[in-house]
Amino acid sequence: MANLIPRLESIQNAQNSKLSTNAEDDQSTNKAPQSSVTFIYEAKIADLIRNVTVTWSKNVGNYSLVISVENPSSENPYTFKLDIKAWQFWGKKGLKSFDVDTKRVDVYWDLRQAKFSSSPVPSSDYYVAVVDGDEVSVVLGDMKTDAYKRTKKHPPADEPVLLCKKENVHGKKLFCTKTMWQHNEKEHDLTIETSLSGLGDPEMWISIDGFEVVHIMNLQWRFRGNENLTVNDVPVQIFWDVHDWLFNGTGTGQGLFVFSPGNKPSKADDNNSSPDQRQSPAEFFHVIYAWKFE
């Protein structure tokens, strides 16, 4: 687990966006931030491989999207922001441009039919495309074909890689979200459930696709820890720190969870490649700040 924390810190520092800074401030003051989900990709934009940070946020029915592109020569990234008002139809389809190293980058979006639920991220029927020259560097959503038709651009030679998903979720005893084990694979339902009051000792359960995979008893002694398990033949390492849930005096606060899947074994790799010849993809991990309230 020790190797996860330095990677988490380095990627968080690489974001350097106003949203991520505000979230860190909220966490340091134990104030629950607005609901938000951040994805960090590695993609080629303006002739360089850069971190591209995509943050969806929700606040009282309004949504926002911020795309930040890493600027290697400065702490301040190149940033695009889109405000989405749920009650307005206009503005849900458009095109805006911003400069990255003096090179024009276009952002196309169509959210007219987008379906939203409890998450700030649309669940279906939308696209957002980041276009650099003749390539769609990053495309979000399930309407990728429509994005390519509208932009008249082709997929990138170097496919973007999802490095990290980071989000704030809120609940009393139950926290629900979605996670994934490998890039471009389907998402899995993830549930964290707690029992912190009553006659018995505090307990915590973690379930994936409805199946319990972790059960922590005596949570007052095991409020910080990690487990290694296998889910659908994929090794997964889970780290948690729920100290504030138990000991901050109010029964609220945040719990930290990190899910780090390994590579799924490949028979072809085992038969045809030596360990030195394999190229491992970037390690994906999922960070969850679970904010508990009463």
Protein backbone atom coordinates (compact mmCIF):
# COMPACT_ATOMS: atom_id res chain seq x y z
CA MET A 1 0.00 0.00 0.00
CA ALA A 2 2.93 2.34 0.64
CA ASN A 3 3.52 2.87 -3.08
CA LEU A 4 -0.04 4.21 -3.55
CA ILE A 5 0.27 7.26 -1.33
CA PRO A 6 3.22 8.92 -3.17
CA ARG A 7 1.42 8.39 -6.50
CA LEU A 8 -1.78 9.86 -5.09
CA GLU A 9 0.05 12.91 -3.76
CA SER A 10 1.96 13.52 -7.01
CA ILE A 11 -1.18 13.38 -9.15
CA GLN A 12 -3.15 15.58 -6.77
CA ASN A 13 -0.33 18.14 -6.88
CA ALA A 14 -0.26 17.95 -10.68
CA GLN A 15 -3.88 19.10 -10.88
CA ASN A 16 -3.23 22.55 -9.37
CA SER A 17 -6.73 23.70 -10.20
CA LYS A 18 -9.01 25.96 -8.19
CA LEU A 19 -11.55 23.21 -7.65
CA SER A 20 -9.03 20.75 -6.29
CA THR A 21 -7.56 23.45 -4.05
CA ASN A 22 -10.98 24.26 -2.62
CA ALA A 23 -11.63 20.57 -1.98
CA GLU A 24 -8.36 20.24 -0.08
CA ASP A 25 -9.26 23.31 2.00
CA ASP A 26 -12.63 21.79 2.87
CA GLN A 27 -11.01 18.53 3.89
CA SER A 28 -8.52 20.29 6.16
CA THR A 29 -11.37 22.11 7.97
CA ASN A 30 -13.53 18.97 8.09
CA LYS A 31 -16.21 20.76 6.04
CA ALA A 32 -17.91 18.53 3.47
CA PRO A 33 -17.29 19.90 -0.05
CA GLN A 34 -19.83 19.92 -2.83
CA SER A 35 -20.46 16.68 -4.66
CA SER A 36 -17.71 16.23 -7.24
CA VAL A 37 -16.00 13.57 -9.32
CA THR A 38 -12.55 14.04 -10.86
CA PHE A 39 -10.93 11.94 -13.57
CA ILE A 40 -7.24 12.32 -14.42
CA TYR A 41 -6.13 11.20 -17.86
CA GLU A 42 -2.77 11.01 -19.55
CA ALA A 43 -3.22 12.32 -23.10
CA LYS A 44 -1.28 13.97 -25.90
CA ILE A 45 -2.16 17.63 -26.35
CA ALA A 46 -0.09 20.30 -28.09
CA ASP A 47 2.66 17.80 -28.95
CA LEU A 48 3.24 16.71 -25.34
CA ILE A 49 1.91 13.92 -23.10
CA ARG A 50 0.13 15.76 -20.29
CA ASN A 51 -2.18 15.15 -17.35
CA VAL A 52 -5.72 16.20 -18.27
CA THR A 53 -7.99 16.67 -15.24
CA VAL A 54 -11.76 16.50 -15.75
CA THR A 55 -13.94 17.54 -12.79
CA TRP A 56 -17.72 17.30 -12.68
CA SER A 57 -19.46 19.12 -9.80
CA LYS A 58 -23.05 19.49 -8.61
CA ASN A 59 -24.53 22.12 -6.33
CA VAL A 60 -28.28 22.68 -5.77
CA GLY A 61 -29.36 21.37 -9.16
CA ASN A 62 -26.65 23.12 -11.14
CA TYR A 63 -23.71 21.28 -12.66
CA SER A 64 -20.27 22.35 -13.81
CA LEU A 65 -17.47 20.82 -15.83
CA VAL A 66 -13.84 21.91 -15.54
CA ILE A 67 -11.12 20.58 -17.84
CA SER A 68 -7.55 21.43 -16.82
CA VAL A 69 -4.56 20.64 -19.03
CA GLU A 70 -1.14 20.36 -17.40
CA ASN A 71 1.28 23.22 -18.02
CA PRO A 72 4.83 21.86 -17.46
CA SER A 73 6.34 25.34 -17.29
CA SER A 74 3.93 26.71 -14.68
CA GLU A 75 1.95 25.69 -11.62
CA ASN A 76 -1.21 27.05 -13.28
CA PRO A 77 -2.86 24.66 -15.77
CA TYR A 78 -4.69 25.65 -18.92
CA THR A 79 -8.36 25.60 -17.95
CA PHE A 80 -11.78 25.35 -19.59
CA LYS A 81 -15.01 25.68 -17.57
CA LEU A 82 -18.62 25.00 -18.48
CA ASP A 83 -21.60 25.81 -16.23
CA ILE A 84 -24.69 23.67 -16.83
CA LYS A 85 -28.04 24.86 -15.46
CA ALA A 86 -30.50 21.99 -15.24
CA TRP A 87 -33.50 24.22 -16.03
CA GLN A 88 -31.97 25.81 -19.16
CA PHE A 89 -31.92 24.16 -22.58
CA TRP A 90 -29.51 26.60 -24.21
CA GLY A 91 -25.83 26.14 -23.51
CA LYS A 92 -26.15 22.36 -23.40
CA LYS A 93 -24.60 22.04 -26.85
CA GLY A 94 -21.68 24.15 -27.91
CA LEU A 95 -18.06 24.74 -28.82
CA LYS A 96 -15.42 26.75 -27.01
CA SER A 97 -11.69 27.13 -27.51
CA PHE A 98 -8.73 27.79 -25.26
CA ASP A 99 -4.97 27.89 -25.83
CA VAL A 100 -2.43 25.31 -24.69
CA ASP A 101 1.14 26.47 -25.26
CA THR A 102 -0.23 28.99 -27.82
CA LYS A 103 -1.92 26.13 -29.70
CA ARG A 104 -5.70 26.19 -30.10
CA VAL A 105 -7.65 23.41 -28.40
CA ASP A 106 -11.40 23.05 -29.04
CA VAL A 107 -13.99 21.56 -26.68
CA TYR A 108 -17.23 20.28 -28.23
CA TRP A 109 -20.12 19.15 -26.06
CA ASP A 110 -23.70 17.95 -26.35
CA LEU A 111 -25.59 17.55 -23.07
CA ARG A 112 -29.10 18.21 -24.39
CA GLN A 113 -30.30 14.66 -23.67
CA ALA A 114 -27.85 13.88 -20.86
CA LYS A 115 -29.26 11.80 -18.01
CA PHE A 116 -28.23 12.87 -14.51
CA SER A 117 -28.84 10.96 -11.28
CA SER A 118 -27.30 11.42 -7.84
CA SER A 119 -23.79 11.70 -9.30
CA PRO A 120 -22.44 14.93 -10.82
CA VAL A 121 -21.36 12.86 -13.85
CA PRO A 122 -24.04 12.24 -16.52
CA SER A 123 -24.98 8.57 -16.68
CA SER A 124 -25.74 8.45 -20.43
CA ASP A 125 -26.67 10.24 -23.68
CA TYR A 126 -23.90 12.84 -23.91
CA TYR A 127 -20.40 13.57 -25.16
CA VAL A 128 -17.60 16.03 -24.45
CA ALA A 129 -14.69 16.03 -26.91
CA VAL A 130 -11.32 17.74 -26.50
CA VAL A 131 -9.89 18.36 -29.99
CA ASP A 132 -6.26 19.15 -30.76
CA GLY A 133 -5.63 19.75 -34.46
CA ASP A 134 -6.96 16.79 -36.43
CA GLU A 135 -7.31 14.51 -33.40
CA VAL A 136 -9.89 14.05 -30.67
CA SER A 137 -7.44 13.84 -27.77
CA VAL A 138 -10.03 12.94 -25.12
CA VAL A 139 -13.72 12.08 -25.55
CA LEU A 140 -16.10 11.61 -22.62
CA GLY A 141 -19.53 10.02 -22.57
CA ASP A 142 -21.32 7.24 -24.40
CA MET A 143 -22.00 9.15 -27.65
CA LYS A 144 -18.49 8.92 -29.05
CA THR A 145 -19.69 8.23 -32.61
CA ASP A 146 -21.69 11.48 -32.56
CA ALA A 147 -18.63 13.34 -31.28
CA TYR A 148 -16.45 12.12 -34.16
CA LYS A 149 -19.17 12.98 -36.70
CA ARG A 150 -19.59 16.49 -35.39
CA THR A 151 -15.91 17.33 -35.01
CA LYS A 152 -14.91 15.62 -38.29
CA LYS A 153 -11.70 14.56 -36.53
CA HIS A 154 -10.14 11.15 -36.00
CA PRO A 155 -9.17 9.25 -32.82
CA PRO A 156 -5.70 9.96 -31.43
CA ALA A 157 -2.67 7.89 -32.39
CA ASP A 158 -1.91 7.61 -28.67
CA GLU A 159 -5.05 6.53 -26.81
CA PRO A 160 -5.60 8.52 -23.57
CA VAL A 161 -5.13 6.54 -20.36
CA LEU A 162 -7.24 7.00 -17.25
CA LEU A 163 -4.87 7.31 -14.28
CA CYS A 164 -7.14 8.16 -11.39
CA LYS A 165 -10.72 8.74 -10.32
CA LYS A 166 -11.27 10.88 -7.24
CA GLU A 167 -14.64 11.79 -5.77
CA ASN A 168 -16.57 13.11 -2.79
CA VAL A 169 -19.62 11.06 -1.74
CA HIS A 170 -22.05 11.76 1.09
CA GLY A 171 -24.22 9.58 3.31
CA LYS A 172 -25.29 8.58 6.82
CA LYS A 173 -24.56 4.86 6.87
CA LEU A 174 -24.43 3.96 3.19
CA PHE A 175 -22.12 5.27 0.45
CA CYS A 176 -22.70 4.20 -3.16
CA THR A 177 -20.67 4.87 -6.28
CA LYS A 178 -19.16 3.09 -9.27
CA THR A 179 -15.60 1.93 -9.87
CA MET A 180 -13.62 0.10 -12.53
CA TRP A 181 -10.69 -2.30 -12.51
CA GLN A 182 -9.10 -1.64 -15.88
CA HIS A 183 -9.13 1.22 -18.39
CA ASN A 184 -12.06 1.08 -20.84
CA GLU A 185 -13.77 -1.75 -18.94
CA LYS A 186 -17.32 -1.54 -17.62
CA GLU A 187 -17.95 0.05 -14.25
CA HIS A 188 -18.89 -1.94 -11.15
CA ASP A 189 -21.32 -0.96 -8.38
CA LEU A 190 -19.41 -0.17 -5.18
CA THR A 191 -21.09 0.08 -1.77
CA ILE A 192 -19.59 1.02 1.60
CA GLU A 193 -21.90 0.38 4.57
CA THR A 194 -21.30 1.14 8.24
CA SER A 195 -22.78 0.40 11.66
CA LEU A 196 -21.14 2.81 14.09
CA SER A 197 -23.76 3.16 16.82
CA GLY A 198 -25.84 0.82 18.91
CA LEU A 199 -25.00 -1.98 21.32
CA GLY A 200 -22.46 -3.83 19.17
CA ASP A 201 -18.94 -2.86 18.17
CA PRO A 202 -18.56 -0.63 15.08
CA GLU A 203 -18.46 -2.54 11.79
CA MET A 204 -17.95 -1.78 8.09
CA TRP A 205 -18.82 -3.70 4.92
CA ILE A 206 -17.58 -3.16 1.36
CA SER A 207 -19.54 -4.77 -1.48
CA ILE A 208 -18.90 -4.93 -5.22
CA ASP A 209 -21.78 -5.66 -7.60
CA GLY A 210 -23.87 -6.72 -4.60
CA PHE A 211 -21.32 -9.21 -3.22
CA GLU A 212 -19.63 -8.55 0.11
CA VAL A 213 -15.84 -8.54 -0.33
CA VAL A 214 -14.67 -6.94 2.94
CA HIS A 215 -16.17 -7.11 6.44
CA ILE A 216 -14.31 -5.22 9.17
CA MET A 217 -15.35 -5.97 12.74
CA ASN A 218 -14.09 -4.02 15.77
CA LEU A 219 -13.67 -0.96 13.56
CA GLN A 220 -12.61 1.11 16.57
CA TRP A 221 -9.34 -0.87 16.49
CA ARG A 222 -9.13 -1.30 12.70
CA PHE A 223 -10.12 2.20 11.59
CA ARG A 224 -7.06 2.27 9.33
CA GLY A 225 -5.91 -0.69 7.24
CA ASN A 226 -5.79 -2.47 3.92
CA GLU A 227 -6.91 -5.73 2.32
CA ASN A 228 -5.81 -7.66 -0.76
CA LEU A 229 -8.46 -9.58 -2.66
CA THR A 230 -9.36 -10.87 -6.11
CA VAL A 231 -12.50 -9.70 -7.95
CA ASN A 232 -13.35 -11.27 -11.33
CA ASP A 233 -9.78 -12.59 -11.58
CA VAL A 234 -8.37 -9.10 -10.99
CA PRO A 235 -6.19 -8.49 -7.89
CA VAL A 236 -7.46 -5.46 -5.98
CA GLN A 237 -5.85 -3.66 -3.05
CA ILE A 238 -8.16 -1.66 -0.76
CA PHE A 239 -6.96 0.93 1.75
CA TRP A 240 -9.18 2.75 4.24
CA ASP A 241 -8.85 5.39 6.95
CA VAL A 242 -12.08 6.16 8.83
CA HIS A 243 -10.56 7.67 11.98
CA ASP A 244 -12.74 10.80 11.80
CA TRP A 245 -15.94 8.77 11.67
CA LEU A 246 -15.17 7.31 15.08
CA PHE A 247 -13.11 9.85 16.98
CA ASN A 248 -13.91 13.42 15.90
CA GLY A 249 -16.59 13.76 18.59
CA THR A 250 -19.55 14.47 16.31
CA GLY A 251 -19.88 11.15 14.47
CA THR A 252 -19.39 12.94 11.16
CA GLY A 253 -16.33 13.77 9.06
CA GLN A 254 -14.66 12.05 6.15
CA GLY A 255 -13.41 8.55 5.51
CA LEU A 256 -10.70 7.92 2.93
CA PHE A 257 -10.76 4.88 0.65
CA VAL A 258 -8.30 3.94 -2.11
CA PHE A 259 -8.98 1.09 -4.54
CA SER A 260 -5.98 -0.02 -6.60
CA PRO A 261 -6.57 -2.85 -9.12
CA GLY A 262 -3.64 -4.78 -10.54
CA ASN A 263 -3.25 -6.22 -14.03
CA LYS A 264 -5.52 -9.08 -15.02
CA PRO A 265 -3.41 -12.16 -15.83
CA SER A 266 -3.10 -12.88 -19.55
CA LYS A 267 -2.39 -16.39 -20.81
CA ALA A 268 -1.00 -14.93 -24.01
CA ASP A 269 1.46 -12.87 -22.02
CA ASP A 270 2.44 -15.87 -19.94
CA ASN A 271 3.09 -18.01 -23.01
CA ASN A 272 4.64 -15.52 -25.39
CA SER A 273 6.38 -12.86 -23.33
CA SER A 274 9.11 -12.71 -20.76
CA PRO A 275 8.66 -10.37 -17.78
CA ASP A 276 11.24 -7.98 -19.23
CA GLN A 277 9.39 -7.73 -22.55
CA ARG A 278 5.98 -6.79 -21.16
CA GLN A 279 4.85 -3.20 -21.03
CA SER A 280 2.60 -2.59 -18.07
CA PRO A 281 -0.09 0.07 -18.50
CA ALA A 282 -0.24 2.99 -16.10
CA GLU A 283 -1.67 1.88 -12.76
CA PHE A 284 -5.21 3.14 -12.21
CA PHE A 285 -6.52 3.87 -8.72
CA HIS A 286 -9.79 5.19 -7.34
CA VAL A 287 -9.86 7.61 -4.38
CA ILE A 288 -13.08 8.15 -2.42
CA TYR A 289 -13.67 10.78 0.26
CA ALA A 290 -16.79 9.48 2.05
CA TRP A 291 -18.37 12.33 4.00
CA LYS A 292 -20.60 11.13 6.84
CA PHE A 293 -23.44 13.23 8.21
CA GLU A 294 -26.19 12.66 10.77
